[in-house]
């Protein structure tokens, strides 16, 4: 089935149990593993914060991809100038 992927940002609320409040100190470390905390605890997505991402916010990568019914990507909103430069850089 044809489909379109659209990239967004969203806030996630991770609940810290009173017995685990020491994690709040660790959470301030740049090496803190947020994914592991969310996987091991209770959390919820704050859908009121969903925002579309621009290509600039996504390191000039696509934020919209259109796929045909065969599953082939037929279009993205990635900047063509950047795609062209990357191809030229590979050739050189």
N, C-alpha and C. Protein backbone atom coordinates (compact mmCIF):
# COMPACT_ATOMS: atom_id res chain seq x y z
N UNK A 1 0.83 -1.17 0.00
CA UNK A 1 0.00 0.00 0.00
C UNK A 1 0.89 1.25 0.00
N UNK A 2 0.56 2.20 -0.80
CA UNK A 2 1.30 3.47 -0.84
C UNK A 2 1.15 4.17 0.51
N UNK A 3 2.19 4.91 0.88
CA UNK A 3 2.14 5.61 2.16
C UNK A 3 3.12 6.77 2.18
N UNK A 4 2.96 7.63 3.17
CA UNK A 4 3.83 8.79 3.35
C UNK A 4 4.33 8.81 4.79
N UNK A 5 5.65 8.91 4.94
CA UNK A 5 6.25 9.11 6.26
C UNK A 5 6.43 10.61 6.46
N UNK A 6 6.05 11.10 7.64
CA UNK A 6 6.25 12.50 7.99
C UNK A 6 6.92 12.54 9.37
N UNK A 7 8.05 13.22 9.46
CA UNK A 7 8.81 13.26 10.71
C UNK A 7 8.35 14.42 11.58
N UNK A 8 8.21 14.14 12.87
CA UNK A 8 7.77 15.14 13.84
C UNK A 8 8.68 15.10 15.07
N UNK A 9 8.54 16.13 15.89
CA UNK A 9 9.13 16.09 17.22
C UNK A 9 7.97 15.98 18.20
N UNK A 10 8.26 15.40 19.35
CA UNK A 10 7.23 15.26 20.39
C UNK A 10 7.93 15.15 21.75
N UNK A 11 7.31 15.70 22.77
CA UNK A 11 7.84 15.58 24.13
C UNK A 11 7.32 14.29 24.75
N UNK A 12 8.17 13.68 25.56
CA UNK A 12 7.82 12.46 26.28
C UNK A 12 7.98 12.75 27.77
N UNK A 13 6.97 12.39 28.55
CA UNK A 13 7.05 12.55 30.01
C UNK A 13 7.41 11.18 30.60
N UNK A 14 8.53 11.14 31.33
CA UNK A 14 8.97 9.91 31.97
C UNK A 14 8.75 10.08 33.48
N UNK A 15 8.01 9.17 34.04
CA UNK A 15 7.72 9.24 35.47
C UNK A 15 8.85 8.59 36.27
N UNK A 16 9.27 9.29 37.32
CA UNK A 16 10.30 8.79 38.21
C UNK A 16 9.63 8.44 39.54
N UNK A 17 9.72 7.20 39.93
CA UNK A 17 9.15 6.77 41.20
C UNK A 17 9.95 7.38 42.34
N UNK A 18 9.28 7.68 43.48
CA UNK A 18 9.98 8.30 44.61
C UNK A 18 11.24 7.54 45.04
N UNK A 19 11.24 6.21 44.93
CA UNK A 19 12.42 5.43 45.32
C UNK A 19 13.58 5.63 44.35
N UNK A 20 13.31 6.15 43.17
CA UNK A 20 14.34 6.30 42.13
C UNK A 20 14.74 7.75 41.88
N UNK A 21 14.42 8.64 42.79
CA UNK A 21 14.70 10.06 42.55
C UNK A 21 16.18 10.36 42.38
N UNK A 22 17.05 9.44 42.77
CA UNK A 22 18.49 9.61 42.53
C UNK A 22 18.77 9.73 41.03
N UNK A 23 17.89 9.12 40.21
CA UNK A 23 18.05 9.19 38.75
C UNK A 23 17.98 10.62 38.24
N UNK A 24 17.32 11.50 38.96
CA UNK A 24 17.23 12.90 38.53
C UNK A 24 18.61 13.54 38.48
N UNK A 25 19.49 13.16 39.39
CA UNK A 25 20.87 13.69 39.36
C UNK A 25 21.61 13.14 38.13
N UNK A 26 21.46 11.84 37.87
CA UNK A 26 22.11 11.24 36.72
C UNK A 26 21.57 11.80 35.40
N UNK A 27 20.31 12.19 35.43
CA UNK A 27 19.68 12.69 34.20
C UNK A 27 20.33 13.97 33.70
N UNK A 28 21.08 14.65 34.54
CA UNK A 28 21.74 15.89 34.14
C UNK A 28 23.06 15.65 33.44
N UNK A 29 23.49 14.40 33.36
CA UNK A 29 24.73 14.04 32.70
C UNK A 29 24.52 13.95 31.20
N UNK A 30 25.48 14.47 30.39
CA UNK A 30 25.32 14.39 28.93
C UNK A 30 25.34 12.95 28.41
N UNK A 31 25.86 12.02 29.21
CA UNK A 31 25.92 10.61 28.79
C UNK A 31 24.73 9.79 29.27
N UNK A 32 23.75 10.44 29.85
CA UNK A 32 22.61 9.72 30.42
C UNK A 32 21.83 9.00 29.31
N UNK A 33 21.44 7.77 29.55
CA UNK A 33 20.73 6.94 28.57
C UNK A 33 19.22 7.11 28.74
N UNK A 34 18.68 8.10 28.04
CA UNK A 34 17.25 8.40 28.16
C UNK A 34 16.38 7.24 27.67
N UNK A 35 16.81 6.59 26.61
CA UNK A 35 16.03 5.48 26.07
C UNK A 35 15.86 4.37 27.08
N UNK A 36 16.93 4.06 27.79
CA UNK A 36 16.86 2.99 28.79
C UNK A 36 15.92 3.36 29.93
N UNK A 37 15.94 4.62 30.32
CA UNK A 37 15.05 5.06 31.40
C UNK A 37 13.60 4.91 30.96
N UNK A 38 13.29 5.33 29.75
CA UNK A 38 11.92 5.24 29.26
C UNK A 38 11.50 3.78 29.11
N UNK A 39 12.42 2.93 28.67
CA UNK A 39 12.10 1.51 28.50
C UNK A 39 11.81 0.83 29.83
N UNK A 40 12.45 1.30 30.90
CA UNK A 40 12.31 0.64 32.20
C UNK A 40 11.31 1.32 33.13
N UNK A 41 10.65 2.33 32.67
CA UNK A 41 9.74 3.06 33.55
C UNK A 41 8.42 3.34 32.88
N UNK A 42 7.64 4.11 33.56
CA UNK A 42 6.37 4.53 33.01
C UNK A 42 6.57 5.86 32.29
N UNK A 43 5.93 5.99 31.15
CA UNK A 43 6.04 7.24 30.40
C UNK A 43 4.77 7.44 29.59
N UNK A 44 4.63 8.64 29.09
CA UNK A 44 3.53 8.93 28.16
C UNK A 44 4.01 9.96 27.15
N UNK A 45 3.45 9.90 25.97
CA UNK A 45 3.75 10.88 24.92
C UNK A 45 2.80 12.06 25.09
N UNK A 46 3.31 13.27 24.99
CA UNK A 46 2.48 14.47 25.09
C UNK A 46 2.11 14.89 23.66
N UNK A 47 1.03 14.34 23.16
CA UNK A 47 0.64 14.57 21.77
C UNK A 47 0.28 16.03 21.48
N UNK A 48 0.05 16.82 22.52
CA UNK A 48 -0.21 18.25 22.31
C UNK A 48 1.04 18.99 21.86
N UNK A 49 2.21 18.35 21.97
CA UNK A 49 3.47 19.01 21.60
C UNK A 49 3.99 18.59 20.23
N UNK A 50 3.24 17.78 19.49
CA UNK A 50 3.71 17.30 18.19
C UNK A 50 3.92 18.48 17.24
N UNK A 51 5.09 18.54 16.64
CA UNK A 51 5.40 19.59 15.66
C UNK A 51 6.10 18.96 14.46
N UNK A 52 5.75 19.41 13.27
CA UNK A 52 6.41 18.98 12.06
C UNK A 52 7.86 19.44 12.08
N UNK A 53 8.77 18.60 11.63
CA UNK A 53 10.19 18.96 11.55
C UNK A 53 10.53 19.44 10.14
N UNK A 54 11.29 20.49 10.06
CA UNK A 54 11.79 20.94 8.76
C UNK A 54 13.07 20.18 8.44
N UNK A 55 13.48 20.23 7.20
CA UNK A 55 14.74 19.57 6.83
C UNK A 55 15.92 20.22 7.54
N UNK A 56 15.85 21.52 7.77
CA UNK A 56 16.93 22.22 8.47
C UNK A 56 17.07 21.71 9.90
N UNK A 57 15.95 21.43 10.56
CA UNK A 57 15.98 20.91 11.92
C UNK A 57 16.45 19.46 11.96
N UNK A 58 16.45 18.80 10.82
CA UNK A 58 16.82 17.39 10.73
C UNK A 58 18.15 17.20 10.00
N UNK A 59 19.08 18.13 10.21
CA UNK A 59 20.42 18.07 9.59
C UNK A 59 20.34 17.92 8.08
N UNK A 60 19.42 18.66 7.45
CA UNK A 60 19.23 18.68 6.00
C UNK A 60 18.81 17.32 5.43
N UNK A 61 18.29 16.46 6.28
CA UNK A 61 17.75 15.17 5.82
C UNK A 61 16.25 15.31 5.61
N UNK A 62 15.69 14.42 4.82
CA UNK A 62 14.26 14.45 4.52
C UNK A 62 13.42 14.33 5.79
N UNK A 63 12.28 15.02 5.78
CA UNK A 63 11.29 14.86 6.85
C UNK A 63 9.95 14.41 6.28
N UNK A 64 9.87 14.29 4.96
CA UNK A 64 8.70 13.72 4.29
C UNK A 64 9.22 12.76 3.22
N UNK A 65 8.69 11.53 3.22
CA UNK A 65 9.06 10.53 2.22
C UNK A 65 7.79 9.88 1.69
N UNK A 66 7.65 9.85 0.38
CA UNK A 66 6.48 9.27 -0.26
C UNK A 66 6.86 7.93 -0.89
N UNK A 67 6.12 6.88 -0.55
CA UNK A 67 6.38 5.53 -1.04
C UNK A 67 5.22 5.04 -1.89
N UNK A 68 5.56 4.35 -2.99
CA UNK A 68 4.51 3.78 -3.82
C UNK A 68 4.05 2.44 -3.24
N UNK A 69 3.11 1.80 -3.91
CA UNK A 69 2.54 0.56 -3.39
C UNK A 69 3.53 -0.60 -3.39
N UNK A 70 4.65 -0.46 -4.09
CA UNK A 70 5.70 -1.50 -4.08
C UNK A 70 6.70 -1.28 -2.95
N UNK A 71 6.55 -0.17 -2.24
CA UNK A 71 7.46 0.14 -1.14
C UNK A 71 8.67 0.93 -1.56
N UNK A 72 8.68 1.43 -2.80
CA UNK A 72 9.80 2.24 -3.29
C UNK A 72 9.58 3.71 -2.95
N UNK A 73 10.63 4.36 -2.45
CA UNK A 73 10.54 5.79 -2.16
C UNK A 73 10.55 6.53 -3.50
N UNK A 74 9.50 7.30 -3.76
CA UNK A 74 9.39 8.00 -5.04
C UNK A 74 9.63 9.50 -4.92
N UNK A 75 9.64 10.01 -3.68
CA UNK A 75 9.89 11.45 -3.49
C UNK A 75 10.22 11.72 -2.03
N UNK A 76 11.12 12.69 -1.80
CA UNK A 76 11.38 13.21 -0.46
C UNK A 76 11.46 14.73 -0.55
N UNK A 77 11.37 15.37 0.58
CA UNK A 77 11.51 16.83 0.60
C UNK A 77 12.94 17.26 0.91
N UNK A 78 13.89 16.33 0.77
CA UNK A 78 15.30 16.66 0.98
C UNK A 78 15.74 17.66 -0.09
N UNK A 79 16.51 18.63 0.31
CA UNK A 79 16.98 19.68 -0.60
C UNK A 79 17.80 19.07 -1.73
N UNK A 80 17.37 19.29 -2.95
CA UNK A 80 18.05 18.71 -4.12
C UNK A 80 19.48 19.23 -4.28
N UNK A 81 19.73 20.45 -3.85
CA UNK A 81 21.10 20.98 -3.94
C UNK A 81 22.05 20.17 -3.07
N UNK A 82 21.56 19.76 -1.91
CA UNK A 82 22.39 18.97 -1.01
C UNK A 82 22.61 17.58 -1.60
N UNK A 83 21.55 16.98 -2.15
CA UNK A 83 21.68 15.66 -2.78
C UNK A 83 22.71 15.71 -3.91
N UNK A 84 22.62 16.75 -4.73
CA UNK A 84 23.53 16.90 -5.87
C UNK A 84 24.97 17.05 -5.39
N UNK A 85 25.18 17.87 -4.34
CA UNK A 85 26.53 18.06 -3.81
C UNK A 85 27.09 16.75 -3.27
N UNK A 86 26.26 15.97 -2.56
CA UNK A 86 26.73 14.69 -2.04
C UNK A 86 27.13 13.75 -3.17
N UNK A 87 26.37 13.73 -4.24
CA UNK A 87 26.72 12.87 -5.39
C UNK A 87 28.02 13.32 -6.02
N UNK A 88 28.22 14.63 -6.15
CA UNK A 88 29.45 15.15 -6.75
C UNK A 88 30.62 14.81 -5.83
N UNK A 89 30.45 14.98 -4.51
CA UNK A 89 31.52 14.64 -3.57
C UNK A 89 31.91 13.17 -3.65
N UNK A 90 30.95 12.28 -3.86
CA UNK A 90 31.26 10.86 -4.01
C UNK A 90 32.05 10.59 -5.28
N UNK A 91 31.73 11.29 -6.34
CA UNK A 91 32.41 11.10 -7.61
C UNK A 91 33.86 11.58 -7.52
N UNK A 92 34.04 12.73 -6.87
CA UNK A 92 35.39 13.32 -6.73
C UNK A 92 36.14 12.51 -5.72
